[in-house]
Amino acid sequence: MKVKLCKVIDIPDMSMKSFDITGEPVLVANVNGKFYAISDICSHAMAYLSEGELMPEECHVQCPDHGAVFDLKTGEAIALPAVSPVAAYPITIEEDHLVIEMPD
């Protein structure tokens, strides 16, 4: 299912924003003009990754609660205490809007 999120300009470079897509919290990050979408909930603890720290050099996000780190490209858990990945979603730009592909 494709979902139109917002205009590209609504998420400035080097920033993140959380969206609720049919009950699923999704984090969208803009890193050097490229957009990434992953689950906004840490796989270790129920914390919102969008409230954490964007690590643009590595294209990672750090959880605000316990410091787990996730790859924004793949959702892979990079640093403990998280060991399980979070979901990663395809995101594209269509007519100046971000569009995410969610599983049906």
PDB file of N, CA and C in Angstrom:
ATOM      1  N   MET A   1       0.847  -1.175   0.000  1.00  0.00           N
ATOM      2  CA  MET A   1       0.000   0.000   0.000  1.00  0.00           C
ATOM      3  C   MET A   1       0.893   1.239   0.000  1.00  0.00           C
ATOM      4  N   LYS A   2       0.668   2.120  -0.982  1.00  0.00           N
ATOM      5  CA  LYS A   2       1.412   3.375  -1.047  1.00  0.00           C
ATOM      6  C   LYS A   2       0.687   4.434  -0.238  1.00  0.00           C
ATOM      7  N   VAL A   3       1.478   5.203   0.544  1.00  0.00           N
ATOM      8  CA  VAL A   3       0.909   6.267   1.372  1.00  0.00           C
ATOM      9  C   VAL A   3       1.701   7.545   1.126  1.00  0.00           C
ATOM     10  N   LYS A   4       0.997   8.626   0.750  1.00  0.00           N
ATOM     11  CA  LYS A   4       1.622   9.934   0.583  1.00  0.00           C
ATOM     12  C   LYS A   4       1.776  10.547   1.973  1.00  0.00           C
ATOM     13  N   LEU A   5       3.018  10.889   2.340  1.00  0.00           N
ATOM     14  CA  LEU A   5       3.290  11.377   3.692  1.00  0.00           C
ATOM     15  C   LEU A   5       3.201  12.894   3.821  1.00  0.00           C
ATOM     16  N   CYS A   6       4.033  13.594   3.062  1.00  0.00           N
ATOM     17  CA  CYS A   6       4.137  15.046   3.188  1.00  0.00           C
ATOM     18  C   CYS A   6       4.946  15.570   2.015  1.00  0.00           C
ATOM     19  N   LYS A   7       5.087  16.873   1.946  1.00  0.00           N
ATOM     20  CA  LYS A   7       5.959  17.462   0.936  1.00  0.00           C
ATOM     21  C   LYS A   7       7.415  17.241   1.344  1.00  0.00           C
ATOM     22  N   VAL A   8       8.277  17.143   0.361  1.00  0.00           N
ATOM     23  CA  VAL A   8       9.706  16.943   0.609  1.00  0.00           C
ATOM     24  C   VAL A   8      10.260  18.041   1.516  1.00  0.00           C
ATOM     25  N   ILE A   9       9.817  19.272   1.313  1.00  0.00           N
ATOM     26  CA  ILE A   9      10.350  20.396   2.095  1.00  0.00           C
ATOM     27  C   ILE A   9       9.931  20.355   3.565  1.00  0.00           C
ATOM     28  N   ASP A  10       8.975  19.496   3.912  1.00  0.00           N
ATOM     29  CA  ASP A  10       8.518  19.401   5.301  1.00  0.00           C
ATOM     30  C   ASP A  10       9.514  18.683   6.214  1.00  0.00           C
ATOM     31  N   ILE A  11      10.495  18.001   5.621  1.00  0.00           N
ATOM     32  CA  ILE A  11      11.533  17.338   6.418  1.00  0.00           C
ATOM     33  C   ILE A  11      12.876  17.879   5.931  1.00  0.00           C
ATOM     34  N   PRO A  12      13.384  18.922   6.589  1.00  0.00           N
ATOM     35  CA  PRO A  12      14.646  19.537   6.157  1.00  0.00           C
ATOM     36  C   PRO A  12      15.820  18.561   6.252  1.00  0.00           C
ATOM     37  N   ASP A  13      16.867  18.877   5.515  1.00  0.00           N
ATOM     38  CA  ASP A  13      18.078  18.067   5.543  1.00  0.00           C
ATOM     39  C   ASP A  13      18.579  17.918   6.979  1.00  0.00           C
ATOM     40  N   MET A  14      19.043  16.729   7.305  1.00  0.00           N
ATOM     41  CA  MET A  14      19.591  16.373   8.619  1.00  0.00           C
ATOM     42  C   MET A  14      18.536  16.451   9.723  1.00  0.00           C
ATOM     43  N   SER A  15      17.315  16.042   9.385  1.00  0.00           N
ATOM     44  CA  SER A  15      16.261  16.015  10.394  1.00  0.00           C
ATOM     45  C   SER A  15      15.423  14.746  10.236  1.00  0.00           C
ATOM     46  N   MET A  16      14.570  14.501  11.239  1.00  0.00           N
ATOM     47  CA  MET A  16      13.709  13.320  11.269  1.00  0.00           C
ATOM     48  C   MET A  16      12.301  13.755  11.655  1.00  0.00           C
ATOM     49  N   LYS A  17      11.338  12.937  11.244  1.00  0.00           N
ATOM     50  CA  LYS A  17       9.943  13.208  11.604  1.00  0.00           C
ATOM     51  C   LYS A  17       9.220  11.870  11.749  1.00  0.00           C
ATOM     52  N   SER A  18       8.297  11.813  12.702  1.00  0.00           N
ATOM     53  CA  SER A  18       7.519  10.602  12.937  1.00  0.00           C
ATOM     54  C   SER A  18       6.139  10.730  12.304  1.00  0.00           C
ATOM     55  N   PHE A  19       5.658   9.619  11.752  1.00  0.00           N
ATOM     56  CA  PHE A  19       4.329   9.554  11.150  1.00  0.00           C
ATOM     57  C   PHE A  19       3.609   8.342  11.711  1.00  0.00           C
ATOM     58  N   ASP A  20       2.302   8.449  11.846  1.00  0.00           N
ATOM     59  CA  ASP A  20       1.479   7.302  12.204  1.00  0.00           C
ATOM     60  C   ASP A  20       0.785   6.853  10.923  1.00  0.00           C
ATOM     61  N   ILE A  21       1.159   5.668  10.452  1.00  0.00           N
ATOM     62  CA  ILE A  21       0.595   5.150   9.218  1.00  0.00           C
ATOM     63  C   ILE A  21      -0.218   3.910   9.561  1.00  0.00           C
ATOM     64  N   THR A  22      -1.518   4.067   9.554  1.00  0.00           N
ATOM     65  CA  THR A  22      -2.467   3.010   9.923  1.00  0.00           C
ATOM     66  C   THR A  22      -2.065   2.316  11.226  1.00  0.00           C
ATOM     67  N   GLY A  23      -1.721   3.129  12.226  1.00  0.00           N
ATOM     68  CA  GLY A  23      -1.370   2.605  13.537  1.00  0.00           C
ATOM     69  C   GLY A  23       0.082   2.207  13.708  1.00  0.00           C
ATOM     70  N   GLU A  24       0.878   2.295  12.660  1.00  0.00           N
ATOM     71  CA  GLU A  24       2.305   1.940  12.713  1.00  0.00           C
ATOM     72  C   GLU A  24       3.140   3.216  12.778  1.00  0.00           C
ATOM     73  N   PRO A  25       3.892   3.436  13.877  1.00  0.00           N
ATOM     74  CA  PRO A  25       4.772   4.599  13.935  1.00  0.00           C
ATOM     75  C   PRO A  25       5.965   4.407  12.996  1.00  0.00           C
ATOM     76  N   VAL A  26       6.175   5.374  12.112  1.00  0.00           N
ATOM     77  CA  VAL A  26       7.251   5.298  11.125  1.00  0.00           C
ATOM     78  C   VAL A  26       8.110   6.543  11.224  1.00  0.00           C
ATOM     79  N   LEU A  27       9.418   6.341  11.256  1.00  0.00           N
ATOM     80  CA  LEU A  27      10.399   7.426  11.281  1.00  0.00           C
ATOM     81  C   LEU A  27      10.873   7.673   9.861  1.00  0.00           C
ATOM     82  N   VAL A  28      10.831   8.936   9.427  1.00  0.00           N
ATOM     83  CA  VAL A  28      11.396   9.323   8.135  1.00  0.00           C
ATOM     84  C   VAL A  28      12.533  10.296   8.420  1.00  0.00           C
ATOM     85  N   ALA A  29      13.686   9.986   7.847  1.00  0.00           N
ATOM     86  CA  ALA A  29      14.872  10.823   8.044  1.00  0.00           C
ATOM     87  C   ALA A  29      15.375  11.339   6.705  1.00  0.00           C
ATOM     88  N   ASN A  30      15.858  12.583   6.720  1.00  0.00           N
ATOM     89  CA  ASN A  30      16.479  13.189   5.548  1.00  0.00           C
ATOM     90  C   ASN A  30      17.962  13.337   5.867  1.00  0.00           C
ATOM     91  N   VAL A  31      18.786  12.570   5.166  1.00  0.00           N
ATOM     92  CA  VAL A  31      20.233  12.601   5.374  1.00  0.00           C
ATOM     93  C   VAL A  31      20.887  12.998   4.053  1.00  0.00           C
ATOM     94  N   ASN A  32      21.406  14.204   4.015  1.00  0.00           N
ATOM     95  CA  ASN A  32      22.061  14.726   2.811  1.00  0.00           C
ATOM     96  C   ASN A  32      21.153  14.651   1.584  1.00  0.00           C
ATOM     97  N   GLY A  33      19.864  14.940   1.793  1.00  0.00           N
ATOM     98  CA  GLY A  33      18.928  14.964   0.683  1.00  0.00           C
ATOM     99  C   GLY A  33      18.363  13.612   0.285  1.00  0.00           C
ATOM    100  N   LYS A  34      18.769  12.546   0.970  1.00  0.00           N
ATOM    101  CA  LYS A  34      18.209  11.216   0.716  1.00  0.00           C
ATOM    102  C   LYS A  34      17.276  10.864   1.873  1.00  0.00           C
ATOM    103  N   PHE A  35      16.154  10.249   1.540  1.00  0.00           N
ATOM    104  CA  PHE A  35      15.151   9.942   2.547  1.00  0.00           C
ATOM    105  C   PHE A  35      15.134   8.451   2.859  1.00  0.00           C
ATOM    106  N   TYR A  36      14.956   8.155   4.150  1.00  0.00           N
ATOM    107  CA  TYR A  36      14.915   6.781   4.645  1.00  0.00           C
ATOM    108  C   TYR A  36      13.720   6.652   5.573  1.00  0.00           C
ATOM    109  N   ALA A  37      13.106   5.467   5.574  1.00  0.00           N
ATOM    110  CA  ALA A  37      11.942   5.216   6.428  1.00  0.00           C
ATOM    111  C   ALA A  37      12.126   3.886   7.142  1.00  0.00           C
ATOM    112  N   ILE A  38      12.019   3.923   8.473  1.00  0.00           N
ATOM    113  CA  ILE A  38      12.101   2.717   9.296  1.00  0.00           C
ATOM    114  C   ILE A  38      11.022   2.797  10.377  1.00  0.00           C
ATOM    115  N   SER A  39      10.792   1.676  11.037  1.00  0.00           N
ATOM    116  CA  SER A  39       9.873   1.690  12.176  1.00  0.00           C
ATOM    117  C   SER A  39      10.395   2.685  13.204  1.00  0.00           C
ATOM    118  N   ASP A  40       9.497   3.416  13.819  1.00  0.00           N
ATOM    119  CA  ASP A  40       9.895   4.429  14.807  1.00  0.00           C
ATOM    120  C   ASP A  40      10.012   3.850  16.209  1.00  0.00           C
ATOM    121  N   ILE A  41       9.790   2.562  16.374  1.00  0.00           N
ATOM    122  CA  ILE A  41       9.847   1.946  17.701  1.00  0.00           C
ATOM    123  C   ILE A  41      11.097   1.080  17.818  1.00  0.00           C
ATOM    124  N   CYS A  42      11.908   1.357  18.818  1.00  0.00           N
ATOM    125  CA  CYS A  42      13.128   0.582  19.079  1.00  0.00           C
ATOM    126  C   CYS A  42      12.756  -0.883  19.323  1.00  0.00           C
ATOM    127  N   SER A  43      13.529  -1.795  18.753  1.00  0.00           N
ATOM    128  CA  SER A  43      13.249  -3.223  18.930  1.00  0.00           C
ATOM    129  C   SER A  43      13.678  -3.727  20.309  1.00  0.00           C
ATOM    130  N   HIS A  44      14.429  -2.935  21.051  1.00  0.00           N
ATOM    131  CA  HIS A  44      14.866  -3.330  22.395  1.00  0.00           C
ATOM    132  C   HIS A  44      13.870  -2.887  23.462  1.00  0.00           C
ATOM    133  N   ALA A  45      13.422  -1.653  23.349  1.00  0.00           N
ATOM    134  CA  ALA A  45      12.479  -1.087  24.322  1.00  0.00           C
ATOM    135  C   ALA A  45      11.489  -0.234  23.546  1.00  0.00           C
ATOM    136  N   MET A  46      10.367   0.005  24.109  1.00  0.00           N
ATOM    137  CA  MET A  46       9.312   0.737  23.398  1.00  0.00           C
ATOM    138  C   MET A  46       9.563   2.246  23.397  1.00  0.00           C
ATOM    139  N   ALA A  47      10.667   2.643  22.805  1.00  0.00           N
ATOM    140  CA  ALA A  47      11.029   4.059  22.728  1.00  0.00           C
ATOM    141  C   ALA A  47      10.909   4.530  21.280  1.00  0.00           C
ATOM    142  N   TYR A  48      10.574   5.801  21.106  1.00  0.00           N
ATOM    143  CA  TYR A  48      10.479   6.373  19.770  1.00  0.00           C
ATOM    144  C   TYR A  48      11.866   6.787  19.289  1.00  0.00           C
ATOM    145  N   LEU A  49      12.317   6.174  18.197  1.00  0.00           N
ATOM    146  CA  LEU A  49      13.623   6.508  17.638  1.00  0.00           C
ATOM    147  C   LEU A  49      13.674   7.949  17.150  1.00  0.00           C
ATOM    148  N   SER A  50      12.533   8.495  16.739  1.00  0.00           N
ATOM    149  CA  SER A  50      12.487   9.883  16.260  1.00  0.00           C
ATOM    150  C   SER A  50      12.835  10.881  17.361  1.00  0.00           C
ATOM    151  N   GLU A  51      12.795  10.447  18.617  1.00  0.00           N
ATOM    152  CA  GLU A  51      13.185  11.312  19.730  1.00  0.00           C
ATOM    153  C   GLU A  51      14.668  11.147  20.067  1.00  0.00           C
ATOM    154  N   GLY A  52      15.340  10.287  19.316  1.00  0.00           N
ATOM    155  CA  GLY A  52      16.763  10.032  19.544  1.00  0.00           C
ATOM    156  C   GLY A  52      17.637  10.955  18.718  1.00  0.00           C
ATOM    157  N   GLU A  53      18.870  10.511  18.521  1.00  0.00           N
ATOM    158  CA  GLU A  53      19.866  11.331  17.828  1.00  0.00           C
ATOM    159  C   GLU A  53      20.111  10.806  16.421  1.00  0.00           C
ATOM    160  N   LEU A  54      20.025  11.701  15.450  1.00  0.00           N
ATOM    161  CA  LEU A  54      20.388  11.376  14.081  1.00  0.00           C
ATOM    162  C   LEU A  54      21.906  11.388  13.975  1.00  0.00           C
ATOM    163  N   MET A  55      22.472  10.335  13.409  1.00  0.00           N
ATOM    164  CA  MET A  55      23.916  10.223  13.229  1.00  0.00           C
ATOM    165  C   MET A  55      24.185  10.211  11.717  1.00  0.00           C
ATOM    166  N   PRO A  56      24.213  11.397  11.083  1.00  0.00           N
ATOM    167  CA  PRO A  56      24.239  11.467   9.613  1.00  0.00           C
ATOM    168  C   PRO A  56      25.497  10.895   8.971  1.00  0.00           C
ATOM    169  N   GLU A  57      26.629  10.952   9.652  1.00  0.00           N
ATOM    170  CA  GLU A  57      27.871  10.450   9.054  1.00  0.00           C
ATOM    171  C   GLU A  57      27.760   8.966   8.722  1.00  0.00           C
ATOM    172  N   GLU A  58      27.066   8.216   9.574  1.00  0.00           N
ATOM    173  CA  GLU A  58      26.923   6.778   9.388  1.00  0.00           C
ATOM    174  C   GLU A  58      25.563   6.405   8.806  1.00  0.00           C
ATOM    175  N   CYS A  59      24.645   7.369   8.700  1.00  0.00           N
ATOM    176  CA  CYS A  59      23.257   7.130   8.290  1.00  0.00           C
ATOM    177  C   CYS A  59      22.579   6.212   9.310  1.00  0.00           C
ATOM    178  N   HIS A  60      22.737   6.568  10.587  1.00  0.00           N
ATOM    179  CA  HIS A  60      22.183   5.806  11.700  1.00  0.00           C
ATOM    180  C   HIS A  60      21.318   6.714  12.569  1.00  0.00           C
ATOM    181  N   VAL A  61      20.521   6.082  13.437  1.00  0.00           N
ATOM    182  CA  VAL A  61      19.762   6.790  14.459  1.00  0.00           C
ATOM    183  C   VAL A  61      20.012   6.073  15.780  1.00  0.00           C
ATOM    184  N   GLN A  62      20.160   6.851  16.844  1.00  0.00           N
ATOM    185  CA  GLN A  62      20.401   6.284  18.174  1.00  0.00           C
ATOM    186  C   GLN A  62      19.159   6.445  19.041  1.00  0.00           C
ATOM    187  N   CYS A  63      18.754   5.354  19.675  1.00  0.00           N
ATOM    188  CA  CYS A  63      17.584   5.351  20.553  1.00  0.00           C
ATOM    189  C   CYS A  63      17.826   6.267  21.756  1.00  0.00           C
ATOM    190  N   PRO A  64      16.815   7.055  22.141  1.00  0.00           N
ATOM    191  CA  PRO A  64      16.997   7.977  23.265  1.00  0.00           C
ATOM    192  C   PRO A  64      17.058   7.282  24.633  1.00  0.00           C
ATOM    193  N   ASP A  65      16.535   6.064  24.746  1.00  0.00           N
ATOM    194  CA  ASP A  65      16.466   5.423  26.063  1.00  0.00           C
ATOM    195  C   ASP A  65      17.740   4.696  26.476  1.00  0.00           C
ATOM    196  N   HIS A  66      18.210   3.773  25.654  1.00  0.00           N
ATOM    197  CA  HIS A  66      19.347   2.945  26.069  1.00  0.00           C
ATOM    198  C   HIS A  66      20.524   3.003  25.105  1.00  0.00           C
ATOM    199  N   GLY A  67      20.444   3.827  24.073  1.00  0.00           N
ATOM    200  CA  GLY A  67      21.584   4.026  23.183  1.00  0.00           C
ATOM    201  C   GLY A  67      21.727   3.027  22.051  1.00  0.00           C
ATOM    202  N   ALA A  68      20.742   2.161  21.835  1.00  0.00           N
ATOM    203  CA  ALA A  68      20.817   1.250  20.689  1.00  0.00           C
ATOM    204  C   ALA A  68      20.888   2.078  19.408  1.00  0.00           C
ATOM    205  N   VAL A  69      21.591   1.537  18.404  1.00  0.00           N
ATOM    206  CA  VAL A  69      21.773   2.256  17.145  1.00  0.00           C
ATOM    207  C   VAL A  69      21.233   1.398  16.004  1.00  0.00           C
ATOM    208  N   PHE A  70      20.532   2.071  15.069  1.00  0.00           N
ATOM    209  CA  PHE A  70      19.940   1.387  13.926  1.00  0.00           C
ATOM    210  C   PHE A  70      20.378   2.047  12.624  1.00  0.00           C
ATOM    211  N   ASP A  71      20.573   1.221  11.604  1.00  0.00           N
ATOM    212  CA  ASP A  71      20.910   1.693  10.267  1.00  0.00           C
ATOM    213  C   ASP A  71      19.627   2.192   9.602  1.00  0.00           C
ATOM    214  N   LEU A  72      19.637   3.434   9.146  1.00  0.00           N
ATOM    215  CA  LEU A  72      18.450   4.008   8.512  1.00  0.00           C
ATOM    216  C   LEU A  72      18.178   3.398   7.145  1.00  0.00           C
ATOM    217  N   LYS A  73      19.188   2.839   6.495  1.00  0.00           N
ATOM    218  CA  LYS A  73      19.004   2.251   5.168  1.00  0.00           C
ATOM    219  C   LYS A  73      18.330   0.885   5.240  1.00  0.00           C
ATOM    220  N   THR A  74      18.672   0.102   6.275  1.00  0.00           N
ATOM    221  CA  THR A  74      18.233  -1.294   6.331  1.00  0.00           C
ATOM    222  C   THR A  74      17.387  -1.642   7.554  1.00  0.00           C
ATOM    223  N   GLY A  75      17.452  -0.817   8.598  1.00  0.00           N
ATOM    224  CA  GLY A  75      16.785  -1.134   9.863  1.00  0.00           C
ATOM    225  C   GLY A  75      17.604  -2.035  10.762  1.00  0.00           C
ATOM    226  N   GLU A  76      18.786  -2.444  10.301  1.00  0.00           N
ATOM    227  CA  GLU A  76      19.646  -3.343  11.073  1.00  0.00           C
ATOM    228  C   GLU A  76      20.047  -2.722  12.413  1.00  0.00           C
ATOM    229  N   ALA A  77      20.049  -3.548  13.466  1.00  0.00           N
ATOM    230  CA  ALA A  77      20.544  -3.115  14.773  1.00  0.00           C
ATOM    231  C   ALA A  77      22.069  -3.110  14.711  1.00  0.00           C
ATOM    232  N   ILE A  78      22.668  -1.960  14.964  1.00  0.00           N
ATOM    233  CA  ILE A  78      24.115  -1.784  14.841  1.00  0.00           C
ATOM    234  C   ILE A  78      24.813  -1.872  16.191  1.00  0.00           C
ATOM    235  N   ALA A  79      24.151  -1.411  17.256  1.00  0.00           N
ATOM    236  CA  ALA A  79      24.780  -1.375  18.576  1.00  0.00           C
ATOM    237  C   ALA A  79      23.810  -1.865  19.641  1.00  0.00           C
ATOM    238  N   LEU A  80      24.359  -2.561  20.614  1.00  0.00           N
ATOM    239  CA  LEU A  80      23.588  -3.058  21.753  1.00  0.00           C
ATOM    240  C   LEU A  80      22.997  -1.879  22.524  1.00  0.00           C
ATOM    241  N   PRO A  81      21.917  -2.095  23.232  1.00  0.00           N
ATOM    242  CA  PRO A  81      21.368  -3.380  23.632  1.00  0.00           C
ATOM    243  C   PRO A  81      20.426  -4.015  22.611  1.00  0.00           C
ATOM    244  N   ALA A  82      20.112  -3.346  21.509  1.00  0.00           N
ATOM    245  CA  ALA A  82      19.221  -3.943  20.510  1.00  0.00           C
ATOM    246  C   ALA A  82      19.978  -5.003  19.716  1.00  0.00           C
ATOM    247  N   VAL A  83      19.320  -6.118  19.473  1.00  0.00           N
ATOM    248  CA  VAL A  83      19.901  -7.166  18.629  1.00  0.00           C
ATOM    249  C   VAL A  83      19.001  -7.480  17.432  1.00  0.00           C
ATOM    250  N   SER A  84      17.746  -7.089  17.505  1.00  0.00           N
ATOM    251  CA  SER A  84      16.796  -7.331  16.418  1.00  0.00           C
ATOM    252  C   SER A  84      16.651  -6.074  15.572  1.00  0.00           C
ATOM    253  N   PRO A  85      16.520  -6.241  14.272  1.00  0.00           N
ATOM    254  CA  PRO A  85      16.323  -5.071  13.402  1.00  0.00           C
ATOM    255  C   PRO A  85      14.922  -4.496  13.560  1.00  0.00           C
ATOM    256  N   VAL A  86      14.739  -3.305  13.019  1.00  0.00           N
ATOM    257  CA  VAL A  86      13.411  -2.717  12.883  1.00  0.00           C
ATOM    258  C   VAL A  86      13.066  -2.758  11.399  1.00  0.00           C
ATOM    259  N   ALA A  87      11.787  -2.654  11.084  1.00  0.00           N
ATOM    260  CA  ALA A  87      11.355  -2.688   9.688  1.00  0.00           C
ATOM    261  C   ALA A  87      11.870  -1.465   8.939  1.00  0.00           C
ATOM    262  N   ALA A  88      12.272  -1.688   7.700  1.00  0.00           N
ATOM    263  CA  ALA A  88      12.660  -0.603   6.798  1.00  0.00           C
ATOM    264  C   ALA A  88      11.663  -0.598   5.639  1.00  0.00           C
ATOM    265  N   TYR A  89      11.292   0.589   5.188  1.00  0.00           N
ATOM    266  CA  TYR A  89      10.267   0.719   4.161  1.00  0.00           C
ATOM    267  C   TYR A  89      10.804   1.504   2.970  1.00  0.00           C
ATOM    268  N   PRO A  90      10.441   1.088   1.753  1.00  0.00           N
ATOM    269  CA  PRO A  90      10.825   1.877   0.573  1.00  0.00           C
ATOM    270  C   PRO A  90      10.126   3.230   0.594  1.00  0.00           C
ATOM    271  N   ILE A  91      10.885   4.259   0.235  1.00  0.00           N
ATOM    272  CA  ILE A  91      10.320   5.615   0.192  1.00  0.00           C
ATOM    273  C   ILE A  91      10.793   6.282  -1.092  1.00  0.00           C
ATOM    274  N   THR A  92       9.874   6.956  -1.765  1.00  0.00           N
ATOM    275  CA  THR A  92      10.189   7.622  -3.022  1.00  0.00           C
ATOM    276  C   THR A  92       9.643   9.044  -3.001  1.00  0.00           C
ATOM    277  N   ILE A  93      10.056   9.801  -4.000  1.00  0.00           N
ATOM    278  CA  ILE A  93       9.542  11.158  -4.189  1.00  0.00           C
ATOM    279  C   ILE A  93       8.683  11.147  -5.443  1.00  0.00           C
ATOM    280  N   GLU A  94       7.423  11.567  -5.288  1.00  0.00           N
ATOM    281  CA  GLU A  94       6.495  11.664  -6.404  1.00  0.00           C
ATOM    282  C   GLU A  94       5.852  13.045  -6.369  1.00  0.00           C
ATOM    283  N   GLU A  95       6.142  13.850  -7.382  1.00  0.00           N
ATOM    284  CA  GLU A  95       5.586  15.200  -7.491  1.00  0.00           C
ATOM    285  C   GLU A  95       5.784  16.011  -6.220  1.00  0.00           C
ATOM    286  N   ASP A  96       7.021  16.067  -5.742  1.00  0.00           N
ATOM    287  CA  ASP A  96       7.412  16.848  -4.560  1.00  0.00           C
ATOM    288  C   ASP A  96       6.838  16.323  -3.244  1.00  0.00           C
ATOM    289  N   HIS A  97       6.309  15.107  -3.238  1.00  0.00           N
ATOM    290  CA  HIS A  97       5.801  14.485  -2.017  1.00  0.00           C
ATOM    291  C   HIS A  97       6.571  13.197  -1.724  1.00  0.00           C
ATOM    292  N   LEU A  98       6.726  12.902  -0.442  1.00  0.00           N
ATOM    293  CA  LEU A  98       7.306  11.631  -0.038  1.00  0.00           C
ATOM    294  C   LEU A  98       6.202  10.587  -0.020  1.00  0.00           C
ATOM    295  N   VAL A  99       6.492   9.442  -0.606  1.00  0.00           N
ATOM    296  CA  VAL A  99       5.538   8.349  -0.680  1.00  0.00           C
ATOM    297  C   VAL A  99       6.222   7.099  -0.135  1.00  0.00           C
ATOM    298  N   ILE A 100       5.588   6.466   0.832  1.00  0.00           N
ATOM    299  CA  ILE A 100       6.151   5.271   1.460  1.00  0.00           C
ATOM    300  C   ILE A 100       5.338   4.056   1.033  1.00  0.00           C
ATOM    301  N   GLU A 101       6.027   2.943   0.864  1.00  0.00           N
ATOM    302  CA  GLU A 101       5.379   1.674   0.525  1.00  0.00           C
ATOM    303  C   GLU A 101       5.285   0.840   1.779  1.00  0.00           C
ATOM    304  N   MET A 102       4.060   0.630   2.256  1.00  0.00           N
ATOM    305  CA  MET A 102       3.813  -0.170   3.455  1.00  0.00           C
ATOM    306  C   MET A 102       3.314  -1.546   3.046  1.00  0.00           C
ATOM    307  N   PRO A 103       3.644  -2.569   3.834  1.00  0.00           N
ATOM    308  CA  PRO A 103       3.122  -3.903   3.505  1.00  0.00           C
ATOM    309  C   PRO A 103       1.598  -3.932   3.645  1.00  0.00           C
ATOM    310  N   ASP A 104       0.972  -4.732   2.818  1.00  0.00           N
ATOM    311  CA  ASP A 104      -0.499  -4.847   2.867  1.00  0.00           C
ATOM    312  C   ASP A 104      -0.958  -5.688   4.037  1.00  0.00           C
TER     313      ASP A 104
END
